[in-house]
Amino acid sequence: TFFLISIACDYRYLYFLDIATMLTLFYLALDPRSAW
């Protein structure tokens, strides 16, 4: 959505992408063998 609405590049605007990926990595790391 920021492709259409962004008017500044502040890093925080896409913070959700970073933090969602971090949580997912933690979830996969709970059972890394299955993920691999």
PDB file of all heavy atoms in Angstrom:
ATOM      1  N   THR A   1       0.826  -1.219   0.000  1.00  0.00           N
ATOM      2  CA  THR A   1       0.000   0.000   0.000  1.00  0.00           C
ATOM      3  C   THR A   1       0.853   1.259   0.000  1.00  0.00           C
ATOM      4  O   THR A   1       0.411   2.307  -0.487  1.00  0.00           O
ATOM      5  CB  THR A   1      -0.939   0.033   1.225  1.00  0.00           C
ATOM      6  OG1 THR A   1      -0.167   0.098   2.438  1.00  0.00           O
ATOM      7  CG2 THR A   1      -1.842  -1.191   1.258  1.00  0.00           C
ATOM      8  N   PHE A   2       2.066   1.164   0.523  1.00  0.00           N
ATOM      9  CA  PHE A   2       2.918   2.341   0.565  1.00  0.00           C
ATOM     10  C   PHE A   2       3.417   2.737  -0.819  1.00  0.00           C
ATOM     11  O   PHE A   2       3.924   3.852  -0.992  1.00  0.00           O
ATOM     12  CB  PHE A   2       4.095   2.112   1.522  1.00  0.00           C
ATOM     13  CG  PHE A   2       3.707   2.273   2.964  1.00  0.00           C
ATOM     14  CD1 PHE A   2       3.325   1.177   3.715  1.00  0.00           C
ATOM     15  CD2 PHE A   2       3.707   3.516   3.559  1.00  0.00           C
ATOM     16  CE1 PHE A   2       2.952   1.320   5.042  1.00  0.00           C
ATOM     17  CE2 PHE A   2       3.346   3.679   4.877  1.00  0.00           C
ATOM     18  CZ  PHE A   2       2.952   2.573   5.630  1.00  0.00           C
ATOM     19  N   PHE A   3       3.273   1.847  -1.776  1.00  0.00           N
ATOM     20  CA  PHE A   3       3.599   2.229  -3.151  1.00  0.00           C
ATOM     21  C   PHE A   3       2.703   3.376  -3.588  1.00  0.00           C
ATOM     22  O   PHE A   3       3.104   4.246  -4.370  1.00  0.00           O
ATOM     23  CB  PHE A   3       3.425   1.034  -4.092  1.00  0.00           C
ATOM     24  CG  PHE A   3       3.817   1.326  -5.519  1.00  0.00           C
ATOM     25  CD1 PHE A   3       5.108   1.116  -5.954  1.00  0.00           C
ATOM     26  CD2 PHE A   3       2.887   1.830  -6.426  1.00  0.00           C
ATOM     27  CE1 PHE A   3       5.479   1.402  -7.269  1.00  0.00           C
ATOM     28  CE2 PHE A   3       3.241   2.123  -7.740  1.00  0.00           C
ATOM     29  CZ  PHE A   3       4.543   1.909  -8.160  1.00  0.00           C
ATOM     30  N   LEU A   4       1.470   3.397  -3.092  1.00  0.00           N
ATOM     31  CA  LEU A   4       0.499   4.405  -3.503  1.00  0.00           C
ATOM     32  C   LEU A   4       0.427   5.610  -2.581  1.00  0.00           C
ATOM     33  O   LEU A   4       0.070   6.702  -3.018  1.00  0.00           O
ATOM     34  CB  LEU A   4      -0.900   3.771  -3.597  1.00  0.00           C
ATOM     35  CG  LEU A   4      -1.065   2.621  -4.590  1.00  0.00           C
ATOM     36  CD1 LEU A   4      -2.464   2.037  -4.482  1.00  0.00           C
ATOM     37  CD2 LEU A   4      -0.795   3.085  -6.010  1.00  0.00           C
ATOM     38  N   ILE A   5       0.768   5.437  -1.301  1.00  0.00           N
ATOM     39  CA  ILE A   5       0.483   6.507  -0.344  1.00  0.00           C
ATOM     40  C   ILE A   5       1.710   7.165   0.270  1.00  0.00           C
ATOM     41  O   ILE A   5       1.584   8.183   0.950  1.00  0.00           O
ATOM     42  CB  ILE A   5      -0.417   5.995   0.796  1.00  0.00           C
ATOM     43  CG1 ILE A   5       0.347   4.986   1.667  1.00  0.00           C
ATOM     44  CG2 ILE A   5      -1.703   5.399   0.249  1.00  0.00           C
ATOM     45  CD1 ILE A   5      -0.409   4.565   2.920  1.00  0.00           C
ATOM     46  N   SER A   6       2.896   6.618   0.064  1.00  0.00           N
ATOM     47  CA  SER A   6       4.063   7.140   0.778  1.00  0.00           C
ATOM     48  C   SER A   6       4.470   8.514   0.266  1.00  0.00           C
ATOM     49  O   SER A   6       4.462   8.785  -0.933  1.00  0.00           O
ATOM     50  CB  SER A   6       5.237   6.165   0.661  1.00  0.00           C
ATOM     51  OG  SER A   6       5.551   5.935  -0.692  1.00  0.00           O
ATOM     52  N   ILE A   7       4.837   9.391   1.217  1.00  0.00           N
ATOM     53  CA  ILE A   7       5.361  10.708   0.876  1.00  0.00           C
ATOM     54  C   ILE A   7       6.644  10.986   1.672  1.00  0.00           C
ATOM     55  O   ILE A   7       7.158  12.106   1.648  1.00  0.00           O
ATOM     56  CB  ILE A   7       4.331  11.824   1.147  1.00  0.00           C
ATOM     57  CG1 ILE A   7       3.879  11.816   2.597  1.00  0.00           C
ATOM     58  CG2 ILE A   7       3.147  11.704   0.204  1.00  0.00           C
ATOM     59  CD1 ILE A   7       2.947  12.969   2.957  1.00  0.00           C
ATOM     60  N   ALA A   8       7.138   9.972   2.390  1.00  0.00           N
ATOM     61  CA  ALA A   8       8.385  10.098   3.142  1.00  0.00           C
ATOM     62  C   ALA A   8       8.949   8.703   3.359  1.00  0.00           C
ATOM     63  O   ALA A   8       8.220   7.709   3.302  1.00  0.00           O
ATOM     64  CB  ALA A   8       8.157  10.805   4.480  1.00  0.00           C
ATOM     65  N   CYS A   9      10.238   8.616   3.626  1.00  0.00           N
ATOM     66  CA  CYS A   9      10.908   7.311   3.675  1.00  0.00           C
ATOM     67  C   CYS A   9      11.198   6.834   5.090  1.00  0.00           C
ATOM     68  O   CYS A   9      12.027   5.942   5.269  1.00  0.00           O
ATOM     69  CB  CYS A   9      12.208   7.352   2.878  1.00  0.00           C
ATOM     70  SG  CYS A   9      13.502   8.396   3.620  1.00  0.00           S
ATOM     71  N   ASP A  10      10.556   7.403   6.106  1.00  0.00           N
ATOM     72  CA  ASP A  10      10.858   7.009   7.484  1.00  0.00           C
ATOM     73  C   ASP A  10      10.841   5.494   7.639  1.00  0.00           C
ATOM     74  O   ASP A  10       9.894   4.824   7.210  1.00  0.00           O
ATOM     75  CB  ASP A  10       9.849   7.617   8.449  1.00  0.00           C
ATOM     76  CG  ASP A  10      10.017   9.128   8.571  1.00  0.00           C
ATOM     77  OD1 ASP A  10      10.826   9.688   7.822  1.00  0.00           O
ATOM     78  OD2 ASP A  10       9.335   9.732   9.413  1.00  0.00           O
ATOM     79  N   TYR A  11      11.878   4.949   8.283  1.00  0.00           N
ATOM     80  CA  TYR A  11      12.035   3.500   8.381  1.00  0.00           C
ATOM     81  C   TYR A  11      10.861   2.854   9.087  1.00  0.00           C
ATOM     82  O   TYR A  11      10.479   1.727   8.780  1.00  0.00           O
ATOM     83  CB  TYR A  11      13.334   3.169   9.128  1.00  0.00           C
ATOM     84  CG  TYR A  11      13.734   1.721   9.008  1.00  0.00           C
ATOM     85  CD1 TYR A  11      14.476   1.280   7.922  1.00  0.00           C
ATOM     86  CD2 TYR A  11      13.332   0.793   9.964  1.00  0.00           C
ATOM     87  CE1 TYR A  11      14.816  -0.054   7.795  1.00  0.00           C
ATOM     88  CE2 TYR A  11      13.670  -0.544   9.838  1.00  0.00           C
ATOM     89  CZ  TYR A  11      14.418  -0.965   8.756  1.00  0.00           C
ATOM     90  OH  TYR A  11      14.742  -2.302   8.624  1.00  0.00           O
ATOM     91  N   ARG A  12      10.242   3.559  10.008  1.00  0.00           N
ATOM     92  CA  ARG A  12       9.167   2.982  10.820  1.00  0.00           C
ATOM     93  C   ARG A  12       7.938   2.610  10.008  1.00  0.00           C
ATOM     94  O   ARG A  12       7.127   1.806  10.461  1.00  0.00           O
ATOM     95  CB  ARG A  12       8.762   3.980  11.905  1.00  0.00           C
ATOM     96  CG  ARG A  12       8.238   5.321  11.382  1.00  0.00           C
ATOM     97  CD  ARG A  12       8.058   6.311  12.524  1.00  0.00           C
ATOM     98  NE  ARG A  12       7.784   7.656  12.072  1.00  0.00           N
ATOM     99  CZ  ARG A  12       6.661   8.317  12.353  1.00  0.00           C
ATOM    100  NH1 ARG A  12       5.709   7.722  13.040  1.00  0.00           N
ATOM    101  NH2 ARG A  12       6.506   9.545  11.941  1.00  0.00           N
ATOM    102  N   TYR A  13       7.771   3.190   8.812  1.00  0.00           N
ATOM    103  CA  TYR A  13       6.559   2.929   8.048  1.00  0.00           C
ATOM    104  C   TYR A  13       6.410   1.450   7.699  1.00  0.00           C
ATOM    105  O   TYR A  13       5.292   0.941   7.613  1.00  0.00           O
ATOM    106  CB  TYR A  13       6.525   3.779   6.777  1.00  0.00           C
ATOM    107  CG  TYR A  13       6.395   5.262   7.043  1.00  0.00           C
ATOM    108  CD1 TYR A  13       6.933   6.204   6.169  1.00  0.00           C
ATOM    109  CD2 TYR A  13       5.746   5.728   8.188  1.00  0.00           C
ATOM    110  CE1 TYR A  13       6.822   7.560   6.428  1.00  0.00           C
ATOM    111  CE2 TYR A  13       5.638   7.081   8.447  1.00  0.00           C
ATOM    112  CZ  TYR A  13       6.178   7.995   7.566  1.00  0.00           C
ATOM    113  OH  TYR A  13       6.068   9.343   7.817  1.00  0.00           O
ATOM    114  N   LEU A  14       7.513   0.755   7.484  1.00  0.00           N
ATOM    115  CA  LEU A  14       7.466  -0.670   7.161  1.00  0.00           C
ATOM    116  C   LEU A  14       7.935  -1.525   8.343  1.00  0.00           C
ATOM    117  O   LEU A  14       8.399  -2.652   8.160  1.00  0.00           O
ATOM    118  CB  LEU A  14       8.310  -0.967   5.919  1.00  0.00           C
ATOM    119  CG  LEU A  14       7.926  -0.213   4.644  1.00  0.00           C
ATOM    120  CD1 LEU A  14       8.699  -0.750   3.448  1.00  0.00           C
ATOM    121  CD2 LEU A  14       6.433  -0.294   4.371  1.00  0.00           C
ATOM    122  N   TYR A  15       7.804  -0.993   9.527  1.00  0.00           N
ATOM    123  CA  TYR A  15       8.197  -1.729  10.733  1.00  0.00           C
ATOM    124  C   TYR A  15       7.461  -3.054  10.853  1.00  0.00           C
ATOM    125  O   TYR A  15       8.026  -4.056  11.307  1.00  0.00           O
ATOM    126  CB  TYR A  15       7.923  -0.858  11.957  1.00  0.00           C
ATOM    127  CG  TYR A  15       8.227  -1.514  13.281  1.00  0.00           C
ATOM    128  CD1 TYR A  15       9.538  -1.809  13.646  1.00  0.00           C
ATOM    129  CD2 TYR A  15       7.209  -1.836  14.175  1.00  0.00           C
ATOM    130  CE1 TYR A  15       9.825  -2.404  14.858  1.00  0.00           C
ATOM    131  CE2 TYR A  15       7.483  -2.430  15.389  1.00  0.00           C
ATOM    132  CZ  TYR A  15       8.797  -2.713  15.731  1.00  0.00           C
ATOM    133  OH  TYR A  15       9.071  -3.310  16.928  1.00  0.00           O
ATOM    134  N   PHE A  16       6.210  -3.093  10.432  1.00  0.00           N
ATOM    135  CA  PHE A  16       5.414  -4.314  10.506  1.00  0.00           C
ATOM    136  C   PHE A  16       6.087  -5.458   9.750  1.00  0.00           C
ATOM    137  O   PHE A  16       6.095  -6.608  10.207  1.00  0.00           O
ATOM    138  CB  PHE A  16       4.015  -4.032   9.942  1.00  0.00           C
ATOM    139  CG  PHE A  16       3.081  -5.214   9.950  1.00  0.00           C
ATOM    140  CD1 PHE A  16       3.156  -6.200  10.922  1.00  0.00           C
ATOM    141  CD2 PHE A  16       2.091  -5.326   8.977  1.00  0.00           C
ATOM    142  CE1 PHE A  16       2.283  -7.284  10.922  1.00  0.00           C
ATOM    143  CE2 PHE A  16       1.216  -6.385   8.967  1.00  0.00           C
ATOM    144  CZ  PHE A  16       1.310  -7.370   9.934  1.00  0.00           C
ATOM    145  N   LEU A  17       6.660  -5.169   8.585  1.00  0.00           N
ATOM    146  CA  LEU A  17       7.337  -6.207   7.805  1.00  0.00           C
ATOM    147  C   LEU A  17       8.490  -6.804   8.592  1.00  0.00           C
ATOM    148  O   LEU A  17       8.650  -8.035   8.655  1.00  0.00           O
ATOM    149  CB  LEU A  17       7.838  -5.625   6.487  1.00  0.00           C
ATOM    150  CG  LEU A  17       8.683  -6.542   5.606  1.00  0.00           C
ATOM    151  CD1 LEU A  17       7.883  -7.758   5.168  1.00  0.00           C
ATOM    152  CD2 LEU A  17       9.221  -5.776   4.395  1.00  0.00           C
ATOM    153  N   ASP A  18       9.292  -5.958   9.210  1.00  0.00           N
ATOM    154  CA  ASP A  18      10.451  -6.432   9.976  1.00  0.00           C
ATOM    155  C   ASP A  18      10.017  -7.297  11.144  1.00  0.00           C
ATOM    156  O   ASP A  18      10.522  -8.394  11.363  1.00  0.00           O
ATOM    157  CB  ASP A  18      11.260  -5.248  10.507  1.00  0.00           C
ATOM    158  CG  ASP A  18      11.940  -4.450   9.409  1.00  0.00           C
ATOM    159  OD1 ASP A  18      11.590  -4.648   8.234  1.00  0.00           O
ATOM    160  OD2 ASP A  18      12.807  -3.626   9.732  1.00  0.00           O
ATOM    161  N   ILE A  19       9.084  -6.795  11.939  1.00  0.00           N
ATOM    162  CA  ILE A  19       8.725  -7.466  13.183  1.00  0.00           C
ATOM    163  C   ILE A  19       7.940  -8.746  12.904  1.00  0.00           C
ATOM    164  O   ILE A  19       8.072  -9.741  13.629  1.00  0.00           O
ATOM    165  CB  ILE A  19       7.948  -6.503  14.109  1.00  0.00           C
ATOM    166  CG1 ILE A  19       8.270  -6.799  15.578  1.00  0.00           C
ATOM    167  CG2 ILE A  19       6.477  -6.526  13.865  1.00  0.00           C
ATOM    168  CD1 ILE A  19       9.650  -6.400  16.005  1.00  0.00           C
ATOM    169  N   ALA A  20       7.128  -8.767  11.851  1.00  0.00           N
ATOM    170  CA  ALA A  20       6.409  -9.991  11.482  1.00  0.00           C
ATOM    171  C   ALA A  20       7.391 -11.075  11.057  1.00  0.00           C
ATOM    172  O   ALA A  20       7.225 -12.256  11.388  1.00  0.00           O
ATOM    173  CB  ALA A  20       5.415  -9.699  10.354  1.00  0.00           C
ATOM    174  N   THR A  21       8.433 -10.695  10.322  1.00  0.00           N
ATOM    175  CA  THR A  21       9.451 -11.657   9.900  1.00  0.00           C
ATOM    176  C   THR A  21      10.222 -12.186  11.103  1.00  0.00           C
ATOM    177  O   THR A  21      10.531 -13.382  11.180  1.00  0.00           O
ATOM    178  CB  THR A  21      10.415 -10.997   8.899  1.00  0.00           C
ATOM    179  OG1 THR A  21       9.668 -10.465   7.807  1.00  0.00           O
ATOM    180  CG2 THR A  21      11.416 -12.006   8.370  1.00  0.00           C
ATOM    181  N   MET A  22      10.537 -11.320  12.054  1.00  0.00           N
ATOM    182  CA  MET A  22      11.249 -11.755  13.254  1.00  0.00           C
ATOM    183  C   MET A  22      10.434 -12.782  14.040  1.00  0.00           C
ATOM    184  O   MET A  22      10.962 -13.810  14.486  1.00  0.00           O
ATOM    185  CB  MET A  22      11.549 -10.551  14.143  1.00  0.00           C
ATOM    186  CG  MET A  22      12.620  -9.624  13.594  1.00  0.00           C
ATOM    187  SD  MET A  22      12.913  -8.230  14.722  1.00  0.00           S
ATOM    188  CE  MET A  22      14.286  -7.419  13.897  1.00  0.00           C
ATOM    189  N   LEU A  23       9.150 -12.518  14.220  1.00  0.00           N
ATOM    190  CA  LEU A  23       8.291 -13.464  14.941  1.00  0.00           C
ATOM    191  C   LEU A  23       8.201 -14.795  14.199  1.00  0.00           C
ATOM    192  O   LEU A  23       8.206 -15.867  14.820  1.00  0.00           O
ATOM    193  CB  LEU A  23       6.902 -12.867  15.125  1.00  0.00           C
ATOM    194  CG  LEU A  23       6.759 -11.796  16.211  1.00  0.00           C
ATOM    195  CD1 LEU A  23       5.377 -11.164  16.152  1.00  0.00           C
ATOM    196  CD2 LEU A  23       7.002 -12.386  17.598  1.00  0.00           C
ATOM    197  N   THR A  24       8.126 -14.735  12.883  1.00  0.00           N
ATOM    198  CA  THR A  24       8.056 -15.963  12.096  1.00  0.00           C
ATOM    199  C   THR A  24       9.350 -16.761  12.206  1.00  0.00           C
ATOM    200  O   THR A  24       9.324 -17.998  12.298  1.00  0.00           O
ATOM    201  CB  THR A  24       7.761 -15.630  10.624  1.00  0.00           C
ATOM    202  OG1 THR A  24       6.551 -14.877  10.536  1.00  0.00           O
ATOM    203  CG2 THR A  24       7.618 -16.907   9.795  1.00  0.00           C
ATOM    204  N   LEU A  25      10.481 -16.082  12.201  1.00  0.00           N
ATOM    205  CA  LEU A  25      11.763 -16.771  12.377  1.00  0.00           C
ATOM    206  C   LEU A  25      11.817 -17.477  13.728  1.00  0.00           C
ATOM    207  O   LEU A  25      12.305 -18.610  13.832  1.00  0.00           O
ATOM    208  CB  LEU A  25      12.913 -15.773  12.264  1.00  0.00           C
ATOM    209  CG  LEU A  25      13.324 -15.353  10.856  1.00  0.00           C
ATOM    210  CD1 LEU A  25      14.417 -14.299  10.926  1.00  0.00           C
ATOM    211  CD2 LEU A  25      13.802 -16.551  10.048  1.00  0.00           C
ATOM    212  N   PHE A  26      11.307 -16.822  14.764  1.00  0.00           N
ATOM    213  CA  PHE A  26      11.263 -17.455  16.083  1.00  0.00           C
ATOM    214  C   PHE A  26      10.382 -18.695  16.044  1.00  0.00           C
ATOM    215  O   PHE A  26      10.739 -19.751  16.591  1.00  0.00           O
ATOM    216  CB  PHE A  26      10.734 -16.460  17.123  1.00  0.00           C
ATOM    217  CG  PHE A  26      10.500 -17.075  18.477  1.00  0.00           C
ATOM    218  CD1 PHE A  26      11.566 -17.369  19.317  1.00  0.00           C
ATOM    219  CD2 PHE A  26       9.211 -17.371  18.904  1.00  0.00           C
ATOM    220  CE1 PHE A  26      11.349 -17.955  20.570  1.00  0.00           C
ATOM    221  CE2 PHE A  26       8.987 -17.946  20.151  1.00  0.00           C
ATOM    222  CZ  PHE A  26      10.057 -18.236  20.979  1.00  0.00           C
ATOM    223  N   TYR A  27       9.246 -18.601  15.388  1.00  0.00           N
ATOM    224  CA  TYR A  27       8.329 -19.738  15.276  1.00  0.00           C
ATOM    225  C   TYR A  27       9.003 -20.907  14.556  1.00  0.00           C
ATOM    226  O   TYR A  27       8.907 -22.061  15.000  1.00  0.00           O
ATOM    227  CB  TYR A  27       7.079 -19.287  14.526  1.00  0.00           C
ATOM    228  CG  TYR A  27       6.114 -20.397  14.185  1.00  0.00           C
ATOM    229  CD1 TYR A  27       5.430 -21.079  15.174  1.00  0.00           C
ATOM    230  CD2 TYR A  27       5.886 -20.752  12.853  1.00  0.00           C
ATOM    231  CE1 TYR A  27       4.538 -22.097  14.854  1.00  0.00           C
ATOM    232  CE2 TYR A  27       4.997 -21.749  12.525  1.00  0.00           C
ATOM    233  CZ  TYR A  27       4.325 -22.426  13.526  1.00  0.00           C
ATOM    234  OH  TYR A  27       3.442 -23.435  13.207  1.00  0.00           O
ATOM    235  N   LEU A  28       9.693 -20.637  13.460  1.00  0.00           N
ATOM    236  CA  LEU A  28      10.370 -21.702  12.724  1.00  0.00           C
ATOM    237  C   LEU A  28      11.553 -22.249  13.520  1.00  0.00           C
ATOM    238  O   LEU A  28      11.868 -23.446  13.432  1.00  0.00           O
ATOM    239  CB  LEU A  28      10.840 -21.195  11.368  1.00  0.00           C
ATOM    240  CG  LEU A  28       9.733 -20.797  10.377  1.00  0.00           C
ATOM    241  CD1 LEU A  28      10.340 -20.206   9.111  1.00  0.00           C
ATOM    242  CD2 LEU A  28       8.851 -21.993  10.047  1.00  0.00           C
ATOM    243  N   ALA A  29      12.213 -21.401  14.300  1.00  0.00           N
ATOM    244  CA  ALA A  29      13.372 -21.833  15.082  1.00  0.00           C
ATOM    245  C   ALA A  29      12.972 -22.762  16.231  1.00  0.00           C
ATOM    246  O   ALA A  29      13.831 -23.465  16.777  1.00  0.00           O
ATOM    247  CB  ALA A  29      14.111 -20.626  15.640  1.00  0.00           C
ATOM    248  N   LEU A  30      11.705 -22.780  16.601  1.00  0.00           N
ATOM    249  CA  LEU A  30      11.246 -23.706  17.639  1.00  0.00           C
ATOM    250  C   LEU A  30      11.420 -25.152  17.194  1.00  0.00           C
ATOM    251  O   LEU A  30      11.593 -26.054  18.016  1.00  0.00           O
ATOM    252  CB  LEU A  30       9.773 -23.433  17.982  1.00  0.00           C
ATOM    253  CG  LEU A  30       9.497 -22.105  18.690  1.00  0.00           C
ATOM    254  CD1 LEU A  30       7.999 -21.817  18.695  1.00  0.00           C
ATOM    255  CD2 LEU A  30      10.046 -22.138  20.114  1.00  0.00           C
ATOM    256  N   ASP A  31      11.368 -25.377  15.887  1.00  0.00           N
ATOM    257  CA  ASP A  31      11.572 -26.721  15.322  1.00  0.00           C
ATOM    258  C   ASP A  31      12.345 -26.568  14.014  1.00  0.00           C
ATOM    259  O   ASP A  31      11.796 -26.760  12.927  1.00  0.00           O
ATOM    260  CB  ASP A  31      10.224 -27.401  15.086  1.00  0.00           C
ATOM    261  CG  ASP A  31      10.369 -28.867  14.678  1.00  0.00           C
ATOM    262  OD1 ASP A  31      11.516 -29.362  14.630  1.00  0.00           O
ATOM    263  OD2 ASP A  31       9.336 -29.509  14.414  1.00  0.00           O
ATOM    264  N   PRO A  32      13.617 -26.211  14.091  1.00  0.00           N
ATOM    265  CA  PRO A  32      14.383 -25.901  12.877  1.00  0.00           C
ATOM    266  C   PRO A  32      14.555 -27.096  11.951  1.00  0.00           C
ATOM    267  O   PRO A  32      14.653 -26.930  10.739  1.00  0.00           O
ATOM    268  CB  PRO A  32      15.721 -25.398  13.420  1.00  0.00           C
ATOM    269  CG  PRO A  32      15.830 -25.981  14.793  1.00  0.00           C
ATOM    270  CD  PRO A  32      14.429 -26.043  15.311  1.00  0.00           C
ATOM    271  N   ARG A  33      14.606 -28.297  12.505  1.00  0.00           N
ATOM    272  CA  ARG A  33      14.781 -29.479  11.649  1.00  0.00           C
ATOM    273  C   ARG A  33      13.597 -29.642  10.711  1.00  0.00           C
ATOM    274  O   ARG A  33      13.773 -29.881   9.510  1.00  0.00           O
ATOM    275  CB  ARG A  33      14.947 -30.733  12.512  1.00  0.00           C
ATOM    276  CG  ARG A  33      15.070 -32.013  11.674  1.00  0.00           C
ATOM    277  CD  ARG A  33      15.275 -33.225  12.546  1.00  0.00           C
ATOM    278  NE  ARG A  33      16.544 -33.151  13.267  1.00  0.00           N
ATOM    279  CZ  ARG A  33      16.961 -34.090  14.119  1.00  0.00           C
ATOM    280  NH1 ARG A  33      16.196 -35.150  14.360  1.00  0.00           N
ATOM    281  NH2 ARG A  33      18.124 -33.957  14.722  1.00  0.00           N
ATOM    282  N   SER A  34      12.379 -29.491  11.240  1.00  0.00           N
ATOM    283  CA  SER A  34      11.197 -29.607  10.394  1.00  0.00           C
ATOM    284  C   SER A  34      11.183 -28.524   9.326  1.00  0.00           C
ATOM    285  O   SER A  34      10.854 -28.787   8.162  1.00  0.00           O
ATOM    286  CB  SER A  34       9.929 -29.509  11.252  1.00  0.00           C
ATOM    287  OG  SER A  34       8.779 -29.454  10.445  1.00  0.00           O
ATOM    288  N   ALA A  35      11.560 -27.298   9.703  1.00  0.00           N
ATOM    289  CA  ALA A  35      11.575 -26.200   8.740  1.00  0.00           C
ATOM    290  C   ALA A  35      12.584 -26.469   7.624  1.00  0.00           C
ATOM    291  O   ALA A  35      12.288 -26.269   6.438  1.00  0.00           O
ATOM    292  CB  ALA A  35      11.911 -24.895   9.456  1.00  0.00           C
ATOM    293  N   TRP A  36      13.764 -26.946   7.993  1.00  0.00           N
ATOM    294  CA  TRP A  36      14.805 -27.205   6.999  1.00  0.00           C
ATOM    295  C   TRP A  36      14.418 -28.366   6.084  1.00  0.00           C
ATOM    296  O   TRP A  36      14.589 -28.282   4.861  1.00  0.00           O
ATOM    297  CB  TRP A  36      16.125 -27.501   7.696  1.00  0.00           C
ATOM    298  CG  TRP A  36      17.214 -27.953   6.765  1.00  0.00           C
ATOM    299  CD1 TRP A  36      17.817 -29.173   6.731  1.00  0.00           C
ATOM    300  CD2 TRP A  36      17.820 -27.189   5.721  1.00  0.00           C
ATOM    301  NE1 TRP A  36      18.765 -29.221   5.745  1.00  0.00           N
ATOM    302  CE2 TRP A  36      18.783 -28.011   5.100  1.00  0.00           C
ATOM    303  CE3 TRP A  36      17.639 -25.894   5.257  1.00  0.00           C
ATOM    304  CZ2 TRP A  36      19.557 -27.568   4.043  1.00  0.00           C
ATOM    305  CZ3 TRP A  36      18.418 -25.454   4.179  1.00  0.00           C
ATOM    306  CH2 TRP A  36      19.365 -26.296   3.598  1.00  0.00           C
TER     307      TRP A  36
END
